[in-house]
Amino acid sequence: MSVNNLLIWMSARGEGSWQQFRAAVEEFHVESSASEEDGETGENTTSSDLPVYQALCLGFQRLGHVEFFSAGTDKDWRVAPPALAAIRQGEQWIGIACGARSPGLYQRLCEAKGQVSWETLQVPGMSDRIRVLASHLEELRAAAESNGFNVQESAPLALLAAIPPVDDPGSRVSSEPPTGPGWTIEKFSTSTLRWCKAERRDFDVVQSGLFRFRMGYQRFHLLRWRGRTFRVPVQVGKFAVLRRARRRALFAYDAQQSVLSVPAICRPPFLIERALVLCSGLLPRFDQASSLLEYTDVPWEVARLAAQLLHQEVQRQ
């Protein structure tokens, strides 16, 4: 229950600093079973915090509960307003509870009456998943309004529809590589899907490629594109160079189980992954045997649109 308590505490504060977040994690004795299986730590390239803080931060963001390091604010995090991410699955509508939570929420849900049902699921490493099930969208809206939630209809598709393709010029910023000695340089291999050791001269002469500069806890991901250098979110950079290398068959879809699989090192960029997570309200499973991330309860149209944004094909099984 410690992750639930952490989310309730953050909801009560509304926003705060990274130091306050760290102190709360320690106060509530939160332990996370989540991990960054691909070894990346998201877009915060200079973080020196322990993995538990990073895992919780990314988990809250992927589930739509909290936004961290938002632009245009002097705060390091802000809790999202309470909302139901609604999606139609079969003959029923399902709403995934996102955003702020209050101590009395569970009691209100248990006492709720009407044409809907509520269910909670305890999952290690994340706050409880709360789902609302209804036969009609109007019933879902009525239940949400009576409990202080907004409703986003067809949330995963709506989110994906607002995201530009992965190679959109707006996703990269002109930049220069770090200077000075001591930097470890690696290049992302589109053939082996691994980071390989590189030299500075490799970076200077290559026309296209994704490079990682590391020193201590600092990481900078730089995309060489037509001879120019850009700073990019690491997962955006990976799929950009994968497209250029015409490697397009990384996604697999189990139509019977509604599971979308992708190599862990090629997990989708942040907002696309949030859309996939909101289909089930669960973080992806990591299959150690295959090194795949598995997103559950993903409708085919969501899987297909996510792949299109990444210029990938989906192998439907």
C-alpha atoms as a PDB file:
ATOM      1  CA  MET A   1       0.000   0.000   0.000  1.00  0.00           C
ATOM      2  CA  SER A   2       2.998   2.359   0.253  1.00  0.00           C
ATOM      3  CA  VAL A   3       2.777   3.422  -3.406  1.00  0.00           C
ATOM      4  CA  ASN A   4      -0.919   4.202  -2.854  1.00  0.00           C
ATOM      5  CA  ASN A   5      -0.015   6.323   0.174  1.00  0.00           C
ATOM      6  CA  LEU A   6       2.657   8.114  -1.828  1.00  0.00           C
ATOM      7  CA  LEU A   7       0.151   8.987  -4.574  1.00  0.00           C
ATOM      8  CA  ILE A   8      -2.401  10.191  -2.006  1.00  0.00           C
ATOM      9  CA  TRP A   9       0.269  12.384  -0.365  1.00  0.00           C
ATOM     10  CA  MET A  10       1.266  13.840  -3.723  1.00  0.00           C
ATOM     11  CA  SER A  11      -2.399  14.423  -4.578  1.00  0.00           C
ATOM     12  CA  ALA A  12      -2.881  16.366  -1.343  1.00  0.00           C
ATOM     13  CA  ARG A  13       0.105  18.594  -2.118  1.00  0.00           C
ATOM     14  CA  GLY A  14      -0.747  18.987  -5.787  1.00  0.00           C
ATOM     15  CA  GLU A  15       2.814  19.852  -6.807  1.00  0.00           C
ATOM     16  CA  GLY A  16       6.294  19.977  -5.348  1.00  0.00           C
ATOM     17  CA  SER A  17      10.038  19.611  -5.753  1.00  0.00           C
ATOM     18  CA  TRP A  18      12.147  16.586  -6.567  1.00  0.00           C
ATOM     19  CA  GLN A  19      13.642  16.730  -3.065  1.00  0.00           C
ATOM     20  CA  GLN A  20      10.149  16.566  -1.524  1.00  0.00           C
ATOM     21  CA  PHE A  21       9.305  13.604  -3.714  1.00  0.00           C
ATOM     22  CA  ARG A  22      12.472  11.767  -2.653  1.00  0.00           C
ATOM     23  CA  ALA A  23      11.782  12.471   1.022  1.00  0.00           C
ATOM     24  CA  ALA A  24       8.237  11.124   0.670  1.00  0.00           C
ATOM     25  CA  VAL A  25       9.489   7.935  -1.011  1.00  0.00           C
ATOM     26  CA  GLU A  26      11.774   7.351   1.969  1.00  0.00           C
ATOM     27  CA  GLU A  27       9.099   8.290   4.534  1.00  0.00           C
ATOM     28  CA  PHE A  28       6.576   5.836   3.084  1.00  0.00           C
ATOM     29  CA  HIS A  29       9.277   3.166   2.682  1.00  0.00           C
ATOM     30  CA  VAL A  30       8.345   2.687  -0.957  1.00  0.00           C
ATOM     31  CA  GLU A  31      10.037  -0.103  -2.833  1.00  0.00           C
ATOM     32  CA  SER A  32       9.525  -0.498  -6.549  1.00  0.00           C
ATOM     33  CA  SER A  33       9.594  -3.787  -8.414  1.00  0.00           C
ATOM     34  CA  ALA A  34       9.696  -1.877 -11.694  1.00  0.00           C
ATOM     35  CA  SER A  35      12.963  -1.444 -13.544  1.00  0.00           C
ATOM     36  CA  GLU A  36      14.234   0.154 -16.705  1.00  0.00           C
ATOM     37  CA  GLU A  37      15.001  -3.090 -18.501  1.00  0.00           C
ATOM     38  CA  ASP A  38      16.572  -1.309 -21.458  1.00  0.00           C
ATOM     39  CA  GLY A  39      19.021   0.522 -19.218  1.00  0.00           C
ATOM     40  CA  GLU A  40      17.706   3.963 -20.149  1.00  0.00           C
ATOM     41  CA  THR A  41      16.544   6.474 -17.576  1.00  0.00           C
ATOM     42  CA  GLY A  42      14.170   8.540 -19.641  1.00  0.00           C
ATOM     43  CA  GLU A  43      14.760  12.115 -20.710  1.00  0.00           C
ATOM     44  CA  ASN A  44      16.401  13.360 -17.508  1.00  0.00           C
ATOM     45  CA  THR A  45      19.997  12.981 -18.656  1.00  0.00           C
ATOM     46  CA  THR A  46      21.728  14.194 -15.509  1.00  0.00           C
ATOM     47  CA  SER A  47      19.802  12.350 -12.815  1.00  0.00           C
ATOM     48  CA  SER A  48      21.953  10.870 -10.062  1.00  0.00           C
ATOM     49  CA  ASP A  49      19.156   9.347  -8.002  1.00  0.00           C
ATOM     50  CA  LEU A  50      18.715   5.755  -6.966  1.00  0.00           C
ATOM     51  CA  PRO A  51      16.729   3.532  -9.363  1.00  0.00           C
ATOM     52  CA  VAL A  52      13.677   3.404  -7.066  1.00  0.00           C
ATOM     53  CA  TYR A  53      13.051   7.131  -7.498  1.00  0.00           C
ATOM     54  CA  GLN A  54      13.420   6.938 -11.259  1.00  0.00           C
ATOM     55  CA  ALA A  55      11.213   3.835 -11.532  1.00  0.00           C
ATOM     56  CA  LEU A  56       8.431   5.433  -9.482  1.00  0.00           C
ATOM     57  CA  CYS A  57       8.716   8.702 -11.388  1.00  0.00           C
ATOM     58  CA  LEU A  58       8.426   6.996 -14.770  1.00  0.00           C
ATOM     59  CA  GLY A  59       5.688   4.664 -13.540  1.00  0.00           C
ATOM     60  CA  PHE A  60       3.524   7.536 -12.300  1.00  0.00           C
ATOM     61  CA  GLN A  61       4.008   9.328 -15.617  1.00  0.00           C
ATOM     62  CA  ARG A  62       3.223   6.311 -17.785  1.00  0.00           C
ATOM     63  CA  LEU A  63       0.038   5.670 -15.798  1.00  0.00           C
ATOM     64  CA  GLY A  64      -1.075   9.276 -16.196  1.00  0.00           C
ATOM     65  CA  HIS A  65      -0.989  10.120 -12.477  1.00  0.00           C
ATOM     66  CA  VAL A  66       1.794  12.702 -12.227  1.00  0.00           C
ATOM     67  CA  GLU A  67       3.739  14.882 -14.641  1.00  0.00           C
ATOM     68  CA  PHE A  68       7.407  15.377 -13.762  1.00  0.00           C
ATOM     69  CA  PHE A  69       9.701  18.200 -14.875  1.00  0.00           C
ATOM     70  CA  SER A  70       7.009  19.985 -16.883  1.00  0.00           C
ATOM     71  CA  ALA A  71       8.103  22.935 -18.960  1.00  0.00           C
ATOM     72  CA  GLY A  72       6.898  26.373 -17.948  1.00  0.00           C
ATOM     73  CA  THR A  73       6.676  25.725 -14.205  1.00  0.00           C
ATOM     74  CA  ASP A  74       9.008  26.255 -11.268  1.00  0.00           C
ATOM     75  CA  LYS A  75       7.878  22.961  -9.732  1.00  0.00           C
ATOM     76  CA  ASP A  76       9.446  19.578 -10.485  1.00  0.00           C
ATOM     77  CA  TRP A  77       6.190  17.618 -10.470  1.00  0.00           C
ATOM     78  CA  ARG A  78       2.451  18.188 -10.612  1.00  0.00           C
ATOM     79  CA  VAL A  79      -0.400  15.719 -10.028  1.00  0.00           C
ATOM     80  CA  ALA A  80      -2.917  15.425 -12.856  1.00  0.00           C
ATOM     81  CA  PRO A  81      -6.624  16.084 -12.148  1.00  0.00           C
ATOM     82  CA  PRO A  82      -8.645  12.904 -11.445  1.00  0.00           C
ATOM     83  CA  ALA A  83      -9.911  11.378 -14.674  1.00  0.00           C
ATOM     84  CA  LEU A  84     -11.156   8.166 -16.212  1.00  0.00           C
ATOM     85  CA  ALA A  85      -9.351   7.113 -19.376  1.00  0.00           C
ATOM     86  CA  ALA A  86     -12.264   5.455 -21.166  1.00  0.00           C
ATOM     87  CA  ILE A  87     -11.870   2.723 -23.764  1.00  0.00           C
ATOM     88  CA  ARG A  88     -14.366   0.349 -25.345  1.00  0.00           C
ATOM     89  CA  GLN A  89     -13.472  -3.324 -25.083  1.00  0.00           C
ATOM     90  CA  GLY A  90     -15.958  -5.716 -26.606  1.00  0.00           C
ATOM     91  CA  GLU A  91     -19.477  -4.899 -25.455  1.00  0.00           C
ATOM     92  CA  GLN A  92     -18.519  -2.747 -22.480  1.00  0.00           C
ATOM     93  CA  TRP A  93     -16.825   0.526 -21.650  1.00  0.00           C
ATOM     94  CA  ILE A  94     -13.902   0.527 -19.232  1.00  0.00           C
ATOM     95  CA  GLY A  95     -12.574   3.589 -17.436  1.00  0.00           C
ATOM     96  CA  ILE A  96      -9.036   3.556 -16.003  1.00  0.00           C
ATOM     97  CA  ALA A  97      -8.633   5.893 -13.009  1.00  0.00           C
ATOM     98  CA  CYS A  98      -5.773   8.340 -13.562  1.00  0.00           C
ATOM     99  CA  GLY A  99      -4.492  11.364 -11.695  1.00  0.00           C
ATOM    100  CA  ALA A 100      -5.123  12.508  -8.142  1.00  0.00           C
ATOM    101  CA  ARG A 101      -6.575  10.235  -5.464  1.00  0.00           C
ATOM    102  CA  SER A 102      -8.004  10.927  -2.024  1.00  0.00           C
ATOM    103  CA  PRO A 103      -8.171   8.782   1.144  1.00  0.00           C
ATOM    104  CA  GLY A 104     -11.964   8.466   0.860  1.00  0.00           C
ATOM    105  CA  LEU A 105     -11.957   7.383  -2.770  1.00  0.00           C
ATOM    106  CA  TYR A 106     -12.076   3.648  -2.082  1.00  0.00           C
ATOM    107  CA  GLN A 107     -15.001   3.983   0.298  1.00  0.00           C
ATOM    108  CA  ARG A 108     -16.949   6.086  -2.228  1.00  0.00           C
ATOM    109  CA  LEU A 109     -16.325   3.513  -4.913  1.00  0.00           C
ATOM    110  CA  CYS A 110     -17.563   0.687  -2.716  1.00  0.00           C
ATOM    111  CA  GLU A 111     -20.723   2.632  -1.917  1.00  0.00           C
ATOM    112  CA  ALA A 112     -21.390   3.695  -5.498  1.00  0.00           C
ATOM    113  CA  LYS A 113     -24.710   2.593  -6.934  1.00  0.00           C
ATOM    114  CA  GLY A 114     -26.016   2.492 -10.464  1.00  0.00           C
ATOM    115  CA  GLN A 115     -25.352   0.681 -13.700  1.00  0.00           C
ATOM    116  CA  VAL A 116     -21.587   0.440 -13.245  1.00  0.00           C
ATOM    117  CA  SER A 117     -19.182  -1.727 -11.289  1.00  0.00           C
ATOM    118  CA  TRP A 118     -15.827  -0.791  -9.775  1.00  0.00           C
ATOM    119  CA  GLU A 119     -12.832  -3.026  -9.283  1.00  0.00           C
ATOM    120  CA  THR A 120      -9.341  -2.585  -7.871  1.00  0.00           C
ATOM    121  CA  LEU A 121      -6.247  -4.647  -8.477  1.00  0.00           C
ATOM    122  CA  GLN A 122      -3.127  -4.569  -6.310  1.00  0.00           C
ATOM    123  CA  VAL A 123       0.047  -4.722  -8.401  1.00  0.00           C
ATOM    124  CA  PRO A 124       3.589  -4.672  -6.944  1.00  0.00           C
ATOM    125  CA  GLY A 125       5.516  -1.520  -7.742  1.00  0.00           C
ATOM    126  CA  MET A 126       2.560   0.680  -8.702  1.00  0.00           C
ATOM    127  CA  SER A 127      -0.571   2.188  -7.177  1.00  0.00           C
ATOM    128  CA  ASP A 128      -3.698   0.040  -7.269  1.00  0.00           C
ATOM    129  CA  ARG A 129      -5.348  -0.157 -10.644  1.00  0.00           C
ATOM    130  CA  ILE A 130      -8.912   1.124 -10.429  1.00  0.00           C
ATOM    131  CA  ARG A 131     -11.338   0.327 -13.251  1.00  0.00           C
ATOM    132  CA  VAL A 132     -14.946   1.286 -13.843  1.00  0.00           C
ATOM    133  CA  LEU A 133     -17.012  -1.062 -16.026  1.00  0.00           C
ATOM    134  CA  ALA A 134     -20.227  -0.003 -17.730  1.00  0.00           C
ATOM    135  CA  SER A 135     -22.419  -1.110 -20.628  1.00  0.00           C
ATOM    136  CA  HIS A 136     -22.746   2.413 -22.029  1.00  0.00           C
ATOM    137  CA  LEU A 137     -20.516   5.476 -22.115  1.00  0.00           C
ATOM    138  CA  GLU A 138     -23.296   7.618 -20.609  1.00  0.00           C
ATOM    139  CA  GLU A 139     -23.363   5.374 -17.539  1.00  0.00           C
ATOM    140  CA  LEU A 140     -19.603   5.722 -17.222  1.00  0.00           C
ATOM    141  CA  ARG A 141     -19.858   9.503 -17.431  1.00  0.00           C
ATOM    142  CA  ALA A 142     -22.558   9.655 -14.767  1.00  0.00           C
ATOM    143  CA  ALA A 143     -20.545   7.511 -12.348  1.00  0.00           C
ATOM    144  CA  ALA A 144     -17.419   9.581 -13.010  1.00  0.00           C
ATOM    145  CA  GLU A 145     -19.131  12.901 -12.384  1.00  0.00           C
ATOM    146  CA  SER A 146     -20.640  11.702  -9.096  1.00  0.00           C
ATOM    147  CA  ASN A 147     -17.146  10.775  -7.885  1.00  0.00           C
ATOM    148  CA  GLY A 148     -15.288  13.865  -9.084  1.00  0.00           C
ATOM    149  CA  PHE A 149     -13.686  12.403 -12.213  1.00  0.00           C
ATOM    150  CA  ASN A 150     -13.477  13.810 -15.709  1.00  0.00           C
ATOM    151  CA  VAL A 151     -13.856  11.370 -18.603  1.00  0.00           C
ATOM    152  CA  GLN A 152     -11.687  11.152 -21.720  1.00  0.00           C
ATOM    153  CA  GLU A 153     -13.515   9.075 -24.322  1.00  0.00           C
ATOM    154  CA  SER A 154     -11.345   6.609 -26.267  1.00  0.00           C
ATOM    155  CA  ALA A 155      -8.320   7.960 -24.385  1.00  0.00           C
ATOM    156  CA  PRO A 156      -5.556   5.859 -26.030  1.00  0.00           C
ATOM    157  CA  LEU A 157      -6.700   6.727 -29.548  1.00  0.00           C
ATOM    158  CA  ALA A 158      -7.249  10.376 -28.641  1.00  0.00           C
ATOM    159  CA  LEU A 159      -3.719  10.604 -27.249  1.00  0.00           C
ATOM    160  CA  LEU A 160      -2.143   8.897 -30.258  1.00  0.00           C
ATOM    161  CA  ALA A 161      -4.075  11.146 -32.648  1.00  0.00           C
ATOM    162  CA  ALA A 162      -2.375  14.190 -31.084  1.00  0.00           C
ATOM    163  CA  ILE A 163       1.188  12.825 -31.399  1.00  0.00           C
ATOM    164  CA  PRO A 164       3.324  13.579 -34.486  1.00  0.00           C
ATOM    165  CA  PRO A 165       5.319  10.820 -36.218  1.00  0.00           C
ATOM    166  CA  VAL A 166       8.598   9.892 -34.581  1.00  0.00           C
ATOM    167  CA  ASP A 167      10.702  11.605 -37.256  1.00  0.00           C
ATOM    168  CA  ASP A 168       8.845  14.915 -37.021  1.00  0.00           C
ATOM    169  CA  PRO A 169      11.406  17.789 -36.978  1.00  0.00           C
ATOM    170  CA  GLY A 170       9.706  19.223 -33.893  1.00  0.00           C
ATOM    171  CA  SER A 171      10.919  16.284 -31.807  1.00  0.00           C
ATOM    172  CA  ARG A 172      14.576  17.257 -32.084  1.00  0.00           C
ATOM    173  CA  VAL A 173      16.551  20.319 -31.052  1.00  0.00           C
ATOM    174  CA  SER A 174      19.775  21.495 -32.672  1.00  0.00           C
ATOM    175  CA  SER A 175      22.662  20.836 -30.293  1.00  0.00           C
ATOM    176  CA  GLU A 176      26.395  20.350 -29.930  1.00  0.00           C
ATOM    177  CA  PRO A 177      28.161  17.354 -28.348  1.00  0.00           C
ATOM    178  CA  PRO A 178      29.764  17.733 -24.906  1.00  0.00           C
ATOM    179  CA  THR A 179      33.424  18.652 -24.934  1.00  0.00           C
ATOM    180  CA  GLY A 180      36.364  17.703 -22.773  1.00  0.00           C
ATOM    181  CA  PRO A 181      37.944  14.376 -21.811  1.00  0.00           C
ATOM    182  CA  GLY A 182      36.327  11.518 -19.929  1.00  0.00           C
ATOM    183  CA  TRP A 183      33.214  10.932 -22.027  1.00  0.00           C
ATOM    184  CA  THR A 184      32.264   7.393 -22.996  1.00  0.00           C
ATOM    185  CA  ILE A 185      30.698   7.418 -26.456  1.00  0.00           C
ATOM    186  CA  GLU A 186      28.395   4.694 -27.787  1.00  0.00           C
ATOM    187  CA  LYS A 187      26.398   4.295 -30.984  1.00  0.00           C
ATOM    188  CA  PHE A 188      23.042   2.547 -31.201  1.00  0.00           C
ATOM    189  CA  SER A 189      23.214  -0.381 -33.628  1.00  0.00           C
ATOM    190  CA  THR A 190      20.055  -0.816 -35.689  1.00  0.00           C
ATOM    191  CA  SER A 191      21.117  -4.349 -36.609  1.00  0.00           C
ATOM    192  CA  THR A 192      21.866  -5.751 -33.137  1.00  0.00           C
ATOM    193  CA  LEU A 193      19.642  -3.335 -31.148  1.00  0.00           C
ATOM    194  CA  ARG A 194      22.492  -2.651 -28.760  1.00  0.00           C
ATOM    195  CA  TRP A 195      24.758   0.217 -27.772  1.00  0.00           C
ATOM    196  CA  CYS A 196      28.235  -0.301 -29.229  1.00  0.00           C
ATOM    197  CA  LYS A 197      31.466   1.462 -28.298  1.00  0.00           C
ATOM    198  CA  ALA A 198      32.327   4.352 -30.600  1.00  0.00           C
ATOM    199  CA  GLU A 199      34.989   7.015 -30.967  1.00  0.00           C
ATOM    200  CA  ARG A 200      34.601  10.757 -31.308  1.00  0.00           C
ATOM    201  CA  ARG A 201      35.721  10.577 -34.926  1.00  0.00           C
ATOM    202  CA  ASP A 202      32.827   8.150 -35.606  1.00  0.00           C
ATOM    203  CA  PHE A 203      30.427  10.783 -34.359  1.00  0.00           C
ATOM    204  CA  ASP A 204      32.062  13.588 -36.350  1.00  0.00           C
ATOM    205  CA  VAL A 205      32.055  11.851 -39.735  1.00  0.00           C
ATOM    206  CA  VAL A 206      28.791   9.878 -39.739  1.00  0.00           C
ATOM    207  CA  GLN A 207      25.826  11.392 -41.560  1.00  0.00           C
ATOM    208  CA  SER A 208      23.078   9.596 -39.631  1.00  0.00           C
ATOM    209  CA  GLY A 209      23.112   7.723 -36.327  1.00  0.00           C
ATOM    210  CA  LEU A 210      22.152   7.868 -32.645  1.00  0.00           C
ATOM    211  CA  PHE A 211      24.943   8.368 -30.103  1.00  0.00           C
ATOM    212  CA  ARG A 212      25.069   8.284 -26.310  1.00  0.00           C
ATOM    213  CA  PHE A 213      27.623  10.335 -24.366  1.00  0.00           C
ATOM    214  CA  ARG A 214      28.119   9.144 -20.771  1.00  0.00           C
ATOM    215  CA  MET A 215      30.168  10.418 -17.858  1.00  0.00           C
ATOM    216  CA  GLY A 216      29.212   9.324 -14.361  1.00  0.00           C
ATOM    217  CA  TYR A 217      25.468   9.826 -14.072  1.00  0.00           C
ATOM    218  CA  GLN A 218      25.279  12.237 -16.992  1.00  0.00           C
ATOM    219  CA  ARG A 219      23.816  11.034 -20.273  1.00  0.00           C
ATOM    220  CA  PHE A 220      23.285  12.917 -23.510  1.00  0.00           C
ATOM    221  CA  HIS A 221      21.551  11.346 -26.502  1.00  0.00           C
ATOM    222  CA  LEU A 222      22.467  13.011 -29.766  1.00  0.00           C
ATOM    223  CA  LEU A 223      21.069  12.257 -33.195  1.00  0.00           C
ATOM    224  CA  ARG A 224      23.198  12.784 -36.266  1.00  0.00           C
ATOM    225  CA  TRP A 225      20.756  13.470 -39.104  1.00  0.00           C
ATOM    226  CA  ARG A 226      21.962  14.401 -42.584  1.00  0.00           C
ATOM    227  CA  GLY A 227      25.227  15.612 -41.148  1.00  0.00           C
ATOM    228  CA  ARG A 228      23.667  17.808 -38.463  1.00  0.00           C
ATOM    229  CA  THR A 229      23.488  17.177 -34.691  1.00  0.00           C
ATOM    230  CA  PHE A 230      20.292  17.205 -32.629  1.00  0.00           C
ATOM    231  CA  ARG A 231      19.360  16.468 -29.018  1.00  0.00           C
ATOM    232  CA  VAL A 232      16.458  14.000 -28.860  1.00  0.00           C
ATOM    233  CA  PRO A 233      14.612  11.846 -26.333  1.00  0.00           C
ATOM    234  CA  VAL A 234      16.440   8.547 -26.548  1.00  0.00           C
ATOM    235  CA  GLN A 235      13.493   6.404 -27.667  1.00  0.00           C
ATOM    236  CA  VAL A 236      12.558   8.929 -30.359  1.00  0.00           C
ATOM    237  CA  GLY A 237      16.117   8.774 -31.647  1.00  0.00           C
ATOM    238  CA  LYS A 238      16.094   4.992 -31.759  1.00  0.00           C
ATOM    239  CA  PHE A 239      12.981   4.753 -33.885  1.00  0.00           C
ATOM    240  CA  ALA A 240      14.195   7.555 -36.160  1.00  0.00           C
ATOM    241  CA  VAL A 241      17.380   5.666 -37.029  1.00  0.00           C
ATOM    242  CA  LEU A 242      15.484   2.367 -37.226  1.00  0.00           C
ATOM    243  CA  ARG A 243      13.248   3.909 -39.873  1.00  0.00           C
ATOM    244  CA  ARG A 244      16.252   5.197 -41.788  1.00  0.00           C
ATOM    245  CA  ALA A 245      17.758   1.703 -41.670  1.00  0.00           C
ATOM    246  CA  ARG A 246      14.402   0.318 -42.891  1.00  0.00           C
ATOM    247  CA  ARG A 247      14.040  -1.984 -39.931  1.00  0.00           C
ATOM    248  CA  ARG A 248      10.275  -2.100 -39.619  1.00  0.00           C
ATOM    249  CA  ALA A 249       9.183  -5.410 -38.073  1.00  0.00           C
ATOM    250  CA  LEU A 250       9.794  -4.977 -34.332  1.00  0.00           C
ATOM    251  CA  PHE A 251       6.171  -5.083 -33.147  1.00  0.00           C
ATOM    252  CA  ALA A 252       4.223  -8.313 -32.638  1.00  0.00           C
ATOM    253  CA  TYR A 253       0.517  -8.499 -31.800  1.00  0.00           C
ATOM    254  CA  ASP A 254      -1.240 -11.495 -30.251  1.00  0.00           C
ATOM    255  CA  ALA A 255      -4.781 -10.970 -31.511  1.00  0.00           C
ATOM    256  CA  GLN A 256      -6.278 -13.652 -29.255  1.00  0.00           C
ATOM    257  CA  GLN A 257      -4.798 -12.197 -26.052  1.00  0.00           C
ATOM    258  CA  SER A 258      -4.704  -8.522 -27.211  1.00  0.00           C
ATOM    259  CA  VAL A 259      -1.019  -8.287 -26.243  1.00  0.00           C
ATOM    260  CA  LEU A 260       1.443  -6.024 -28.066  1.00  0.00           C
ATOM    261  CA  SER A 261       5.124  -6.992 -27.736  1.00  0.00           C
ATOM    262  CA  VAL A 262       8.248  -4.981 -28.508  1.00  0.00           C
ATOM    263  CA  PRO A 263      11.951  -5.448 -27.672  1.00  0.00           C
ATOM    264  CA  ALA A 264      12.627  -3.827 -24.307  1.00  0.00           C
ATOM    265  CA  ILE A 265      15.464  -1.713 -25.657  1.00  0.00           C
ATOM    266  CA  CYS A 266      13.030  -0.314 -28.234  1.00  0.00           C
ATOM    267  CA  ARG A 267      10.198   0.572 -25.877  1.00  0.00           C
ATOM    268  CA  PRO A 268       7.983   3.255 -27.458  1.00  0.00           C
ATOM    269  CA  PRO A 269       8.544   6.953 -26.735  1.00  0.00           C
ATOM    270  CA  PHE A 270       6.884   8.275 -23.613  1.00  0.00           C
ATOM    271  CA  LEU A 271       3.498   9.521 -24.842  1.00  0.00           C
ATOM    272  CA  ILE A 272       2.972   6.576 -27.191  1.00  0.00           C
ATOM    273  CA  GLU A 273       3.763   4.228 -24.311  1.00  0.00           C
ATOM    274  CA  ARG A 274       1.289   6.071 -22.084  1.00  0.00           C
ATOM    275  CA  ALA A 275      -1.428   5.407 -24.669  1.00  0.00           C
ATOM    276  CA  LEU A 276      -0.584   1.686 -24.629  1.00  0.00           C
ATOM    277  CA  VAL A 277      -0.524   1.576 -20.809  1.00  0.00           C
ATOM    278  CA  LEU A 278      -3.904   3.309 -20.550  1.00  0.00           C
ATOM    279  CA  CYS A 279      -5.511   0.414 -22.418  1.00  0.00           C
ATOM    280  CA  SER A 280      -5.151  -1.758 -19.308  1.00  0.00           C
ATOM    281  CA  GLY A 281      -4.018   0.576 -16.526  1.00  0.00           C
ATOM    282  CA  LEU A 282      -0.992  -1.684 -16.030  1.00  0.00           C
ATOM    283  CA  LEU A 283       2.682  -1.120 -16.695  1.00  0.00           C
ATOM    284  CA  PRO A 284       4.150  -3.467 -19.319  1.00  0.00           C
ATOM    285  CA  ARG A 285       5.390  -6.905 -18.341  1.00  0.00           C
ATOM    286  CA  PHE A 286       9.024  -7.753 -18.991  1.00  0.00           C
ATOM    287  CA  ASP A 287       9.627 -11.257 -20.324  1.00  0.00           C
ATOM    288  CA  GLN A 288      13.176 -12.140 -19.312  1.00  0.00           C
ATOM    289  CA  ALA A 289      13.338 -15.130 -21.654  1.00  0.00           C
ATOM    290  CA  SER A 290      12.583 -13.076 -24.774  1.00  0.00           C
ATOM    291  CA  SER A 291      13.653  -9.589 -23.523  1.00  0.00           C
ATOM    292  CA  LEU A 292      10.284  -8.287 -24.704  1.00  0.00           C
ATOM    293  CA  LEU A 293       7.962  -5.748 -23.130  1.00  0.00           C
ATOM    294  CA  GLU A 294       4.328  -6.880 -23.273  1.00  0.00           C
ATOM    295  CA  TYR A 295       1.422  -4.416 -23.193  1.00  0.00           C
ATOM    296  CA  THR A 296      -1.875  -6.054 -22.287  1.00  0.00           C
ATOM    297  CA  ASP A 297      -5.507  -5.410 -23.341  1.00  0.00           C
ATOM    298  CA  VAL A 298      -4.394  -3.369 -26.352  1.00  0.00           C
ATOM    299  CA  PRO A 299      -7.062  -3.150 -29.086  1.00  0.00           C
ATOM    300  CA  TRP A 300      -5.844  -3.786 -32.602  1.00  0.00           C
ATOM    301  CA  GLU A 301      -6.581  -0.244 -33.796  1.00  0.00           C
ATOM    302  CA  VAL A 302      -4.446   1.188 -30.947  1.00  0.00           C
ATOM    303  CA  ALA A 303      -1.555  -1.173 -31.725  1.00  0.00           C
ATOM    304  CA  ARG A 304      -1.724  -0.332 -35.422  1.00  0.00           C
ATOM    305  CA  LEU A 305      -1.790   3.458 -34.901  1.00  0.00           C
ATOM    306  CA  ALA A 306       1.091   3.326 -32.388  1.00  0.00           C
ATOM    307  CA  ALA A 307       3.172   1.354 -34.888  1.00  0.00           C
ATOM    308  CA  GLN A 308       2.347   3.783 -37.700  1.00  0.00           C
ATOM    309  CA  LEU A 309       3.600   6.733 -35.652  1.00  0.00           C
ATOM    310  CA  LEU A 310       6.890   4.853 -35.213  1.00  0.00           C
ATOM    311  CA  HIS A 311       7.027   3.763 -38.882  1.00  0.00           C
ATOM    312  CA  GLN A 312       6.825   0.151 -37.803  1.00  0.00           C
ATOM    313  CA  GLU A 313       4.844  -2.782 -39.127  1.00  0.00           C
ATOM    314  CA  VAL A 314       2.912  -5.021 -36.726  1.00  0.00           C
ATOM    315  CA  GLN A 315       3.231  -8.779 -37.111  1.00  0.00           C
ATOM    316  CA  ARG A 316      -0.262  -9.984 -36.241  1.00  0.00           C
ATOM    317  CA  GLN A 317      -0.238 -13.490 -34.801  1.00  0.00           C
END
